[in-house]
PDB file of N, CA and C in Angstrom:
ATOM      1  N   MET A   1       0.865  -1.175   0.003  1.00  0.00           N
ATOM      2  CA  MET A   1      -0.011  -0.010   0.073  1.00  0.00           C
ATOM      3  C   MET A   1       0.876   1.271   0.015  1.00  0.00           C
ATOM      4  N   LEU A   2       0.491   2.179  -0.733  1.00  0.00           N
ATOM      5  CA  LEU A   2       1.284   3.471  -0.826  1.00  0.00           C
ATOM      6  C   LEU A   2       0.999   4.363   0.327  1.00  0.00           C
ATOM      7  N   THR A   3       2.031   4.955   0.866  1.00  0.00           N
ATOM      8  CA  THR A   3       1.885   5.869   1.920  1.00  0.00           C
ATOM      9  C   THR A   3       1.447   7.217   1.323  1.00  0.00           C
ATOM     10  N   PRO A   4       0.983   8.150   2.220  1.00  0.00           N
ATOM     11  CA  PRO A   4       0.605   9.499   1.615  1.00  0.00           C
ATOM     12  C   PRO A   4       1.847  10.190   0.982  1.00  0.00           C
ATOM     13  N   ALA A   5       2.976   9.953   1.619  1.00  0.00           N
ATOM     14  CA  ALA A   5       4.257  10.622   1.024  1.00  0.00           C
ATOM     15  C   ALA A   5       4.505  10.038  -0.371  1.00  0.00           C
ATOM     16  N   SER A   6       4.433   8.744  -0.512  1.00  0.00           N
ATOM     17  CA  SER A   6       4.756   8.160  -1.772  1.00  0.00           C
ATOM     18  C   SER A   6       3.679   8.413  -2.890  1.00  0.00           C
ATOM     19  N   ARG A   7       2.360   8.643  -2.431  1.00  0.00           N
ATOM     20  CA  ARG A   7       1.335   9.111  -3.395  1.00  0.00           C
ATOM     21  C   ARG A   7       1.614  10.531  -3.841  1.00  0.00           C
ATOM     22  N   LEU A   8       2.125  11.374  -2.941  1.00  0.00           N
ATOM     23  CA  LEU A   8       2.429  12.743  -3.246  1.00  0.00           C
ATOM     24  C   LEU A   8       3.651  12.733  -4.227  1.00  0.00           C
ATOM     25  N   LEU A   9       4.598  12.003  -3.988  1.00  0.00           N
ATOM     26  CA  LEU A   9       5.834  11.849  -4.820  1.00  0.00           C
ATOM     27  C   LEU A   9       5.344  11.358  -6.249  1.00  0.00           C
ATOM     28  N   ASP A  10       4.440  10.341  -6.230  1.00  0.00           N
ATOM     29  CA  ASP A  10       4.034   9.819  -7.544  1.00  0.00           C
ATOM     30  C   ASP A  10       3.302  10.839  -8.312  1.00  0.00           C
ATOM     31  N   ARG A  11       2.480  11.618  -7.614  1.00  0.00           N
ATOM     32  CA  ARG A  11       1.690  12.745  -8.286  1.00  0.00           C
ATOM     33  C   ARG A  11       2.638  13.804  -8.902  1.00  0.00           C
ATOM     34  N   LEU A  12       3.648  14.110  -8.099  1.00  0.00           N
ATOM     35  CA  LEU A  12       4.675  15.112  -8.510  1.00  0.00           C
ATOM     36  C   LEU A  12       5.476  14.568  -9.729  1.00  0.00           C
ATOM     37  N   LEU A  13       5.906  13.340  -9.698  1.00  0.00           N
ATOM     38  CA  LEU A  13       6.589  12.775 -10.825  1.00  0.00           C
ATOM     39  C   LEU A  13       5.710  12.685 -12.042  1.00  0.00           C
ATOM     40  N   THR A  14       4.487  12.366 -11.866  1.00  0.00           N
ATOM     41  CA  THR A  14       3.496  12.344 -13.000  1.00  0.00           C
ATOM     42  C   THR A  14       3.271  13.688 -13.607  1.00  0.00           C
ATOM     43  N   ALA A  15       3.242  14.718 -12.803  1.00  0.00           N
ATOM     44  CA  ALA A  15       3.059  16.103 -13.318  1.00  0.00           C
ATOM     45  C   ALA A  15       4.361  16.557 -14.027  1.00  0.00           C
ATOM     46  N   LEU A  16       5.507  16.113 -13.431  1.00  0.00           N
ATOM     47  CA  LEU A  16       6.748  16.551 -14.160  1.00  0.00           C
ATOM     48  C   LEU A  16       6.878  15.832 -15.488  1.00  0.00           C
ATOM     49  N   HIS A  17       6.452  14.592 -15.523  1.00  0.00           N
ATOM     50  CA  HIS A  17       6.496  13.813 -16.836  1.00  0.00           C
ATOM     51  C   HIS A  17       5.545  14.540 -17.843  1.00  0.00           C
ATOM     52  N   ARG A  18       4.318  14.879 -17.417  1.00  0.00           N
ATOM     53  CA  ARG A  18       3.378  15.429 -18.342  1.00  0.00           C
ATOM     54  C   ARG A  18       3.957  16.715 -18.932  1.00  0.00           C
ATOM     55  N   ARG A  19       4.549  17.545 -18.055  1.00  0.00           N
ATOM     56  CA  ARG A  19       5.100  18.871 -18.434  1.00  0.00           C
ATOM     57  C   ARG A  19       6.255  18.630 -19.441  1.00  0.00           C
ATOM     58  N   ALA A  20       7.140  17.607 -19.123  1.00  0.00           N
ATOM     59  CA  ALA A  20       8.294  17.391 -19.989  1.00  0.00           C
ATOM     60  C   ALA A  20       7.808  16.877 -21.338  1.00  0.00           C
ATOM     61  N   VAL A  21       6.725  16.122 -21.468  1.00  0.00           N
ATOM     62  CA  VAL A  21       6.210  15.659 -22.684  1.00  0.00           C
ATOM     63  C   VAL A  21       5.699  16.818 -23.438  1.00  0.00           C
ATOM     64  N   ALA A  22       4.911  17.652 -22.781  1.00  0.00           N
ATOM     65  CA  ALA A  22       4.311  18.816 -23.482  1.00  0.00           C
ATOM     66  C   ALA A  22       5.358  19.760 -24.031  1.00  0.00           C
ATOM     67  N   ALA A  23       6.459  19.929 -23.241  1.00  0.00           N
ATOM     68  CA  ALA A  23       7.590  20.816 -23.741  1.00  0.00           C
ATOM     69  C   ALA A  23       8.292  20.147 -24.928  1.00  0.00           C
ATOM     70  N   ARG A  24       8.475  18.819 -24.870  1.00  0.00           N
ATOM     71  CA  ARG A  24       9.192  18.124 -25.979  1.00  0.00           C
ATOM     72  C   ARG A  24       8.272  18.224 -27.253  1.00  0.00           C
ATOM     73  N   VAL A  25       7.035  18.012 -27.184  1.00  0.00           N
ATOM     74  CA  VAL A  25       6.116  18.154 -28.245  1.00  0.00           C
ATOM     75  C   VAL A  25       6.144  19.555 -28.884  1.00  0.00           C
ATOM     76  N   ALA A  26       6.069  20.584 -28.026  1.00  0.00           N
ATOM     77  CA  ALA A  26       6.174  21.957 -28.469  1.00  0.00           C
ATOM     78  C   ALA A  26       7.538  22.296 -29.129  1.00  0.00           C
ATOM     79  N   ASP A  27       8.599  21.719 -28.605  1.00  0.00           N
ATOM     80  CA  ASP A  27       9.937  21.911 -29.171  1.00  0.00           C
ATOM     81  C   ASP A  27       9.947  21.313 -30.555  1.00  0.00           C
ATOM     82  N   ARG A  28       9.239  20.237 -30.806  1.00  0.00           N
ATOM     83  CA  ARG A  28       9.290  19.557 -32.173  1.00  0.00           C
ATOM     84  C   ARG A  28       8.334  20.151 -33.068  1.00  0.00           C
ATOM     85  N   VAL A  29       7.181  20.700 -32.604  1.00  0.00           N
ATOM     86  CA  VAL A  29       6.162  21.287 -33.536  1.00  0.00           C
ATOM     87  C   VAL A  29       6.722  22.548 -34.166  1.00  0.00           C
ATOM     88  N   ALA A  30       7.437  23.350 -33.348  1.00  0.00           N
ATOM     89  CA  ALA A  30       7.844  24.580 -33.859  1.00  0.00           C
ATOM     90  C   ALA A  30       8.736  24.522 -35.096  1.00  0.00           C
ATOM     91  N   PRO A  31       9.789  23.682 -35.124  1.00  0.00           N
ATOM     92  CA  PRO A  31      10.616  23.533 -36.410  1.00  0.00           C
ATOM     93  C   PRO A  31       9.762  22.925 -37.489  1.00  0.00           C
ATOM     94  N   GLY A  32       8.788  22.000 -37.221  1.00  0.00           N
ATOM     95  CA  GLY A  32       7.957  21.497 -38.229  1.00  0.00           C
ATOM     96  C   GLY A  32       7.123  22.568 -38.909  1.00  0.00           C
ATOM     97  N   LEU A  33       6.580  23.448 -38.010  1.00  0.00           N
ATOM     98  CA  LEU A  33       5.771  24.557 -38.535  1.00  0.00           C
ATOM     99  C   LEU A  33       6.665  25.579 -39.459  1.00  0.00           C
ATOM    100  N   LEU A  34       7.924  25.762 -38.941  1.00  0.00           N
ATOM    101  CA  LEU A  34       8.772  26.586 -39.667  1.00  0.00           C
ATOM    102  C   LEU A  34       9.205  25.986 -41.062  1.00  0.00           C
ATOM    103  N   ALA A  35       9.515  24.706 -41.064  1.00  0.00           N
ATOM    104  CA  ALA A  35       9.716  24.084 -42.430  1.00  0.00           C
ATOM    105  C   ALA A  35       8.465  24.142 -43.208  1.00  0.00           C
ATOM    106  N   GLY A  36       7.315  23.870 -42.670  1.00  0.00           N
ATOM    107  CA  GLY A  36       6.139  23.983 -43.459  1.00  0.00           C
ATOM    108  C   GLY A  36       5.832  25.302 -43.974  1.00  0.00           C
ATOM    109  N   ALA A  37       6.128  26.313 -43.176  1.00  0.00           N
ATOM    110  CA  ALA A  37       6.007  27.713 -43.653  1.00  0.00           C
ATOM    111  C   ALA A  37       6.924  28.122 -44.750  1.00  0.00           C
ATOM    112  N   ALA A  38       8.083  27.584 -44.716  1.00  0.00           N
ATOM    113  CA  ALA A  38       9.053  27.809 -45.843  1.00  0.00           C
ATOM    114  C   ALA A  38       8.650  27.080 -47.082  1.00  0.00           C
ATOM    115  N   ALA A  39       8.135  25.907 -46.994  1.00  0.00           N
ATOM    116  CA  ALA A  39       7.594  25.145 -48.164  1.00  0.00           C
ATOM    117  C   ALA A  39       6.400  25.836 -48.703  1.00  0.00           C
ATOM    118  N   THR A  40       5.443  26.339 -47.778  1.00  0.00           N
ATOM    119  CA  THR A  40       4.309  27.086 -48.228  1.00  0.00           C
ATOM    120  C   THR A  40       4.659  28.247 -49.034  1.00  0.00           C
ATOM    121  N   ALA A  41       5.597  28.990 -48.582  1.00  0.00           N
ATOM    122  CA  ALA A  41       6.141  30.261 -49.293  1.00  0.00           C
ATOM    123  C   ALA A  41       6.620  29.864 -50.641  1.00  0.00           C
ATOM    124  N   GLY A  42       7.475  28.852 -50.729  1.00  0.00           N
ATOM    125  CA  GLY A  42       7.989  28.453 -51.974  1.00  0.00           C
ATOM    126  C   GLY A  42       7.008  27.944 -52.962  1.00  0.00           C
ATOM    127  N   LEU A  43       6.020  27.120 -52.458  1.00  0.00           N
ATOM    128  CA  LEU A  43       4.978  26.626 -53.334  1.00  0.00           C
ATOM    129  C   LEU A  43       3.989  27.757 -53.743  1.00  0.00           C
ATOM    130  N   ALA A  44       3.699  28.666 -52.858  1.00  0.00           N
ATOM    131  CA  ALA A  44       2.835  29.819 -53.220  1.00  0.00           C
ATOM    132  C   ALA A  44       3.491  30.634 -54.313  1.00  0.00           C
ATOM    133  N   VAL A  45       4.806  30.865 -54.172  1.00  0.00           N
ATOM    134  CA  VAL A  45       5.487  31.683 -55.304  1.00  0.00           C
ATOM    135  C   VAL A  45       5.420  30.863 -56.588  1.00  0.00           C
ATOM    136  N   ALA A  46       5.757  29.619 -56.528  1.00  0.00           N
ATOM    137  CA  ALA A  46       5.743  28.752 -57.754  1.00  0.00           C
ATOM    138  C   ALA A  46       4.400  28.678 -58.396  1.00  0.00           C
ATOM    139  N   LEU A  47       3.408  28.462 -57.605  1.00  0.00           N
ATOM    140  CA  LEU A  47       2.019  28.383 -58.169  1.00  0.00           C
ATOM    141  C   LEU A  47       1.587  29.729 -58.708  1.00  0.00           C
ATOM    142  N   GLY A  48       1.961  30.758 -57.966  1.00  0.00           N
ATOM    143  CA  GLY A  48       1.540  32.171 -58.333  1.00  0.00           C
ATOM    144  C   GLY A  48       2.175  32.476 -59.726  1.00  0.00           C
ATOM    145  N   CYS A  49       3.375  32.087 -59.958  1.00  0.00           N
ATOM    146  CA  CYS A  49       4.090  32.411 -61.214  1.00  0.00           C
ATOM    147  C   CYS A  49       3.356  31.541 -62.399  1.00  0.00           C
ATOM    148  N   GLN A  50       2.703  30.469 -62.054  1.00  0.00           N
ATOM    149  CA  GLN A  50       2.065  29.680 -63.100  1.00  0.00           C
ATOM    150  C   GLN A  50       0.607  30.121 -63.307  1.00  0.00           C
ATOM    151  N   GLY A  51       0.189  31.122 -62.465  1.00  0.00           N
ATOM    152  CA  GLY A  51      -1.082  31.597 -62.461  1.00  0.00           C
ATOM    153  C   GLY A  51      -2.206  30.751 -61.835  1.00  0.00           C
ATOM    154  N   ARG A  52      -1.758  29.843 -61.112  1.00  0.00           N
ATOM    155  CA  ARG A  52      -2.609  28.926 -60.353  1.00  0.00           C
ATOM    156  C   ARG A  52      -2.842  29.514 -58.981  1.00  0.00           C
ATOM    157  N   PRO A  53      -4.073  29.171 -58.284  1.00  0.00           N
ATOM    158  CA  PRO A  53      -4.260  29.560 -56.902  1.00  0.00           C
ATOM    159  C   PRO A  53      -3.231  28.988 -55.904  1.00  0.00           C
ATOM    160  N   ALA A  54      -2.780  29.763 -54.949  1.00  0.00           N
ATOM    161  CA  ALA A  54      -1.843  29.312 -54.064  1.00  0.00           C
ATOM    162  C   ALA A  54      -2.395  28.580 -52.814  1.00  0.00           C
ATOM    163  N   ALA A  55      -3.685  28.523 -52.742  1.00  0.00           N
ATOM    164  CA  ALA A  55      -4.362  27.931 -51.550  1.00  0.00           C
ATOM    165  C   ALA A  55      -3.931  26.582 -51.284  1.00  0.00           C
ATOM    166  N   PRO A  56      -3.704  25.627 -52.220  1.00  0.00           N
ATOM    167  CA  PRO A  56      -3.253  24.278 -51.788  1.00  0.00           C
ATOM    168  C   PRO A  56      -1.910  24.217 -51.201  1.00  0.00           C
ATOM    169  N   ALA A  57      -1.098  25.276 -51.427  1.00  0.00           N
ATOM    170  CA  ALA A  57       0.197  25.307 -50.772  1.00  0.00           C
ATOM    171  C   ALA A  57       0.199  25.390 -49.237  1.00  0.00           C
ATOM    172  N   VAL A  58      -0.914  25.819 -48.736  1.00  0.00           N
ATOM    173  CA  VAL A  58      -1.132  25.907 -47.338  1.00  0.00           C
ATOM    174  C   VAL A  58      -1.055  24.521 -46.604  1.00  0.00           C
ATOM    175  N   ALA A  59      -1.357  23.435 -47.415  1.00  0.00           N
ATOM    176  CA  ALA A  59      -1.297  22.156 -46.880  1.00  0.00           C
ATOM    177  C   ALA A  59       0.093  21.767 -46.417  1.00  0.00           C
ATOM    178  N   ALA A  60       1.150  22.431 -46.934  1.00  0.00           N
ATOM    179  CA  ALA A  60       2.506  22.086 -46.540  1.00  0.00           C
ATOM    180  C   ALA A  60       2.662  22.606 -45.148  1.00  0.00           C
ATOM    181  N   LEU A  61       2.067  23.632 -44.722  1.00  0.00           N
ATOM    182  CA  LEU A  61       2.134  24.124 -43.365  1.00  0.00           C
ATOM    183  C   LEU A  61       1.515  23.113 -42.390  1.00  0.00           C
ATOM    184  N   ALA A  62       0.366  22.556 -42.692  1.00  0.00           N
ATOM    185  CA  ALA A  62      -0.292  21.521 -41.881  1.00  0.00           C
ATOM    186  C   ALA A  62       0.596  20.285 -41.812  1.00  0.00           C
ATOM    187  N   VAL A  63       1.142  19.899 -42.962  1.00  0.00           N
ATOM    188  CA  VAL A  63       2.039  18.684 -42.962  1.00  0.00           C
ATOM    189  C   VAL A  63       3.245  18.922 -42.043  1.00  0.00           C
ATOM    190  N   GLY A  64       3.767  20.041 -42.036  1.00  0.00           N
ATOM    191  CA  GLY A  64       5.005  20.367 -41.209  1.00  0.00           C
ATOM    192  C   GLY A  64       4.589  20.390 -39.766  1.00  0.00           C
ATOM    193  N   GLY A  65       3.413  20.948 -39.354  1.00  0.00           N
ATOM    194  CA  GLY A  65       2.967  20.856 -37.988  1.00  0.00           C
ATOM    195  C   GLY A  65       2.622  19.459 -37.521  1.00  0.00           C
ATOM    196  N   VAL A  66       1.959  18.673 -38.349  1.00  0.00           N
ATOM    197  CA  VAL A  66       1.665  17.251 -37.961  1.00  0.00           C
ATOM    198  C   VAL A  66       2.980  16.454 -37.874  1.00  0.00           C
ATOM    199  N   THR A  67       3.862  16.673 -38.800  1.00  0.00           N
ATOM    200  CA  THR A  67       5.161  15.951 -38.721  1.00  0.00           C
ATOM    201  C   THR A  67       5.877  16.283 -37.380  1.00  0.00           C
ATOM    202  N   GLY A  68       5.883  17.518 -36.969  1.00  0.00           N
ATOM    203  CA  GLY A  68       6.512  17.914 -35.788  1.00  0.00           C
ATOM    204  C   GLY A  68       5.794  17.343 -34.529  1.00  0.00           C
ATOM    205  N   LEU A  69       4.472  17.265 -34.652  1.00  0.00           N
ATOM    206  CA  LEU A  69       3.757  16.625 -33.508  1.00  0.00           C
ATOM    207  C   LEU A  69       4.004  15.192 -33.345  1.00  0.00           C
ATOM    208  N   VAL A  70       4.035  14.483 -34.515  1.00  0.00           N
ATOM    209  CA  VAL A  70       4.349  13.107 -34.510  1.00  0.00           C
ATOM    210  C   VAL A  70       5.780  12.781 -34.004  1.00  0.00           C
ATOM    211  N   TRP A  71       6.731  13.593 -34.434  1.00  0.00           N
ATOM    212  CA  TRP A  71       8.052  13.543 -33.929  1.00  0.00           C
ATOM    213  C   TRP A  71       8.237  13.778 -32.458  1.00  0.00           C
ATOM    214  N   GLY A  72       7.527  14.741 -31.911  1.00  0.00           N
ATOM    215  CA  GLY A  72       7.553  15.007 -30.500  1.00  0.00           C
ATOM    216  C   GLY A  72       6.975  13.930 -29.658  1.00  0.00           C
ATOM    217  N   VAL A  73       5.852  13.346 -30.044  1.00  0.00           N
ATOM    218  CA  VAL A  73       5.166  12.280 -29.363  1.00  0.00           C
ATOM    219  C   VAL A  73       5.980  11.018 -29.469  1.00  0.00           C
ATOM    220  N   ALA A  74       6.564  10.733 -30.534  1.00  0.00           N
ATOM    221  CA  ALA A  74       7.331   9.463 -30.771  1.00  0.00           C
ATOM    222  C   ALA A  74       8.651   9.532 -29.923  1.00  0.00           C
ATOM    223  N   ARG A  75       9.200  10.740 -29.706  1.00  0.00           N
ATOM    224  CA  ARG A  75      10.427  10.807 -28.983  1.00  0.00           C
ATOM    225  C   ARG A  75      10.254  11.495 -27.547  1.00  0.00           C
ATOM    226  N   ARG A  76       9.201  11.167 -26.951  1.00  0.00           N
ATOM    227  CA  ARG A  76       8.836  11.820 -25.620  1.00  0.00           C
ATOM    228  C   ARG A  76       9.837  11.299 -24.596  1.00  0.00           C
ATOM    229  N   PRO A  77      10.162  12.142 -23.566  1.00  0.00           N
ATOM    230  CA  PRO A  77      11.030  11.699 -22.515  1.00  0.00           C
ATOM    231  C   PRO A  77      10.363  10.713 -21.551  1.00  0.00           C
ATOM    232  N   THR A  78      11.150   9.842 -20.980  1.00  0.00           N
ATOM    233  CA  THR A  78      10.641   8.850 -19.975  1.00  0.00           C
ATOM    234  C   THR A  78      10.457   9.599 -18.654  1.00  0.00           C
ATOM    235  N   ARG A  79       9.716   9.012 -17.732  1.00  0.00           N
ATOM    236  CA  ARG A  79       9.456   9.588 -16.534  1.00  0.00           C
ATOM    237  C   ARG A  79      10.705   9.758 -15.713  1.00  0.00           C
ATOM    238  N   VAL A  80      11.718   8.910 -15.758  1.00  0.00           N
ATOM    239  CA  VAL A  80      12.907   9.157 -15.049  1.00  0.00           C
ATOM    240  C   VAL A  80      13.684  10.305 -15.721  1.00  0.00           C
ATOM    241  N   ALA A  81      13.765  10.417 -17.039  1.00  0.00           N
ATOM    242  CA  ALA A  81      14.461  11.483 -17.738  1.00  0.00           C
ATOM    243  C   ALA A  81      13.852  12.756 -17.363  1.00  0.00           C
ATOM    244  N   ALA A  82      12.466  12.892 -17.140  1.00  0.00           N
ATOM    245  CA  ALA A  82      11.855  14.048 -16.803  1.00  0.00           C
ATOM    246  C   ALA A  82      12.284  14.508 -15.350  1.00  0.00           C
ATOM    247  N   ALA A  83      12.391  13.437 -14.475  1.00  0.00           N
ATOM    248  CA  ALA A  83      12.736  13.759 -13.084  1.00  0.00           C
ATOM    249  C   ALA A  83      14.253  14.231 -13.045  1.00  0.00           C
ATOM    250  N   ILE A  84      15.147  13.588 -13.865  1.00  0.00           N
ATOM    251  CA  ILE A  84      16.512  13.988 -13.918  1.00  0.00           C
ATOM    252  C   ILE A  84      16.629  15.441 -14.376  1.00  0.00           C
ATOM    253  N   ARG A  85      15.940  15.775 -15.367  1.00  0.00           N
ATOM    254  CA  ARG A  85      15.877  17.168 -15.908  1.00  0.00           C
ATOM    255  C   ARG A  85      15.362  18.169 -14.835  1.00  0.00           C
ATOM    256  N   ALA A  86      14.405  17.832 -14.105  1.00  0.00           N
ATOM    257  CA  ALA A  86      13.920  18.633 -13.062  1.00  0.00           C
ATOM    258  C   ALA A  86      14.991  18.864 -11.922  1.00  0.00           C
ATOM    259  N   ASP A  87      15.692  17.748 -11.588  1.00  0.00           N
ATOM    260  CA  ASP A  87      16.775  17.840 -10.757  1.00  0.00           C
ATOM    261  C   ASP A  87      17.867  18.832 -11.216  1.00  0.00           C
ATOM    262  N   GLU A  88      18.157  18.818 -12.420  1.00  0.00           N
ATOM    263  CA  GLU A  88      19.161  19.665 -13.041  1.00  0.00           C
ATOM    264  C   GLU A  88      18.707  21.129 -12.877  1.00  0.00           C
ATOM    265  N   LEU A  89      17.432  21.378 -13.235  1.00  0.00           N
ATOM    266  CA  LEU A  89      16.883  22.757 -13.144  1.00  0.00           C
ATOM    267  C   LEU A  89      16.783  23.240 -11.700  1.00  0.00           C
ATOM    268  N   LEU A  90      16.431  22.382 -10.725  1.00  0.00           N
ATOM    269  CA  LEU A  90      16.198  22.745  -9.409  1.00  0.00           C
ATOM    270  C   LEU A  90      17.505  22.684  -8.600  1.00  0.00           C
ATOM    271  N   GLY A  91      18.524  21.986  -9.054  1.00  0.00           N
ATOM    272  CA  GLY A  91      19.717  21.866  -8.238  1.00  0.00           C
ATOM    273  C   GLY A  91      19.464  20.922  -7.028  1.00  0.00           C
ATOM    274  N   THR A  92      18.723  19.843  -7.211  1.00  0.00           N
ATOM    275  CA  THR A  92      18.377  18.995  -6.077  1.00  0.00           C
ATOM    276  C   THR A  92      19.236  17.731  -5.950  1.00  0.00           C
ATOM    277  N   ASP A  93      20.373  17.671  -6.657  1.00  0.00           N
ATOM    278  CA  ASP A  93      21.398  16.579  -6.458  1.00  0.00           C
ATOM    279  C   ASP A  93      20.790  15.212  -6.699  1.00  0.00           C
ATOM    280  N   ASP A  94      20.041  15.084  -7.826  1.00  0.00           N
ATOM    281  CA  ASP A  94      19.444  13.700  -8.178  1.00  0.00           C
ATOM    282  C   ASP A  94      18.451  13.151  -7.135  1.00  0.00           C
ATOM    283  N   LEU A  95      17.800  13.986  -6.413  1.00  0.00           N
ATOM    284  CA  LEU A  95      16.784  13.557  -5.505  1.00  0.00           C
ATOM    285  C   LEU A  95      15.559  12.927  -6.270  1.00  0.00           C
ATOM    286  N   LEU A  96      15.009  13.700  -7.155  1.00  0.00           N
ATOM    287  CA  LEU A  96      13.855  13.214  -7.919  1.00  0.00           C
ATOM    288  C   LEU A  96      14.185  12.166  -8.892  1.00  0.00           C
ATOM    289  N   GLY A  97      15.240  12.225  -9.500  1.00  0.00           N
ATOM    290  CA  GLY A  97      15.670  11.113 -10.480  1.00  0.00           C
ATOM    291  C   GLY A  97      15.868   9.804  -9.665  1.00  0.00           C
ATOM    292  N   THR A  98      16.484   9.843  -8.546  1.00  0.00           N
ATOM    293  CA  THR A  98      16.679   8.613  -7.774  1.00  0.00           C
ATOM    294  C   THR A  98      15.313   8.122  -7.264  1.00  0.00           C
ATOM    295  N   ALA A  99      14.447   9.039  -6.844  1.00  0.00           N
ATOM    296  CA  ALA A  99      13.149   8.575  -6.378  1.00  0.00           C
ATOM    297  C   ALA A  99      12.328   7.896  -7.554  1.00  0.00           C
ATOM    298  N   ALA A 100      12.438   8.544  -8.718  1.00  0.00           N
ATOM    299  CA  ALA A 100      11.733   8.003  -9.912  1.00  0.00           C
ATOM    300  C   ALA A 100      12.243   6.694 -10.273  1.00  0.00           C
ATOM    301  N   ALA A 101      13.572   6.516 -10.306  1.00  0.00           N
ATOM    302  CA  ALA A 101      14.234   5.195 -10.677  1.00  0.00           C
ATOM    303  C   ALA A 101      13.933   4.107  -9.699  1.00  0.00           C
ATOM    304  N   VAL A 102      14.005   4.433  -8.347  1.00  0.00           N
ATOM    305  CA  VAL A 102      13.775   3.411  -7.413  1.00  0.00           C
ATOM    306  C   VAL A 102      12.347   3.099  -7.195  1.00  0.00           C
ATOM    307  N   GLY A 103      11.526   4.057  -7.187  1.00  0.00           N
ATOM    308  CA  GLY A 103      10.025   3.969  -6.918  1.00  0.00           C
ATOM    309  C   GLY A 103       9.364   3.208  -8.028  1.00  0.00           C
ATOM    310  N   ARG A 104       9.724   3.313  -9.320  1.00  0.00           N
ATOM    311  CA  ARG A 104       9.162   2.765 -10.383  1.00  0.00           C
ATOM    312  C   ARG A 104      10.158   1.899 -11.220  1.00  0.00           C
ATOM    313  N   SER A 105      10.924   1.083 -10.517  1.00  0.00           N
ATOM    314  CA  SER A 105      12.081   0.337 -11.197  1.00  0.00           C
ATOM    315  C   SER A 105      11.640  -0.500 -12.358  1.00  0.00           C
ATOM    316  N   GLY A 106      10.532  -0.963 -12.410  1.00  0.00           N
ATOM    317  CA  GLY A 106      10.103  -1.778 -13.609  1.00  0.00           C
ATOM    318  C   GLY A 106       9.236  -1.069 -14.484  1.00  0.00           C
ATOM    319  N   ASP A 107       8.734   0.155 -14.184  1.00  0.00           N
ATOM    320  CA  ASP A 107       7.820   0.830 -14.982  1.00  0.00           C
ATOM    321  C   ASP A 107       8.399   2.103 -15.485  1.00  0.00           C
ATOM    322  N   ASP A 108       8.880   2.139 -16.764  1.00  0.00           N
ATOM    323  CA  ASP A 108       9.572   3.298 -17.338  1.00  0.00           C
ATOM    324  C   ASP A 108       8.554   3.978 -18.220  1.00  0.00           C
ATOM    325  N   ARG A 109       7.564   4.780 -17.716  1.00  0.00           N
ATOM    326  CA  ARG A 109       6.597   5.472 -18.486  1.00  0.00           C
ATOM    327  C   ARG A 109       7.119   6.726 -19.021  1.00  0.00           C
TER     328      ARG A 109
END
């Protein structure tokens, strides 16, 4: 049975993990959107020179954003990695990382 302290630690580690995943996804979506915007601009110019409507070029922006989203979700940090990063930012000398590794030794979510 989990003690109140271990439940609180589990909730903290879960929140840290969620935040790390959200940050990783955002970090990957931004370059995807940037690449999509560059492709959209190039396609819009090319289509405009041919006298065609440039509206279909906007799909490149969506493709870039979705690609970044998939990249971020596929390469999300583990729970232990999120705790280690929090330790680095907080200067807590691997307290959270150790707790995450020991407390969930078989469960690397």
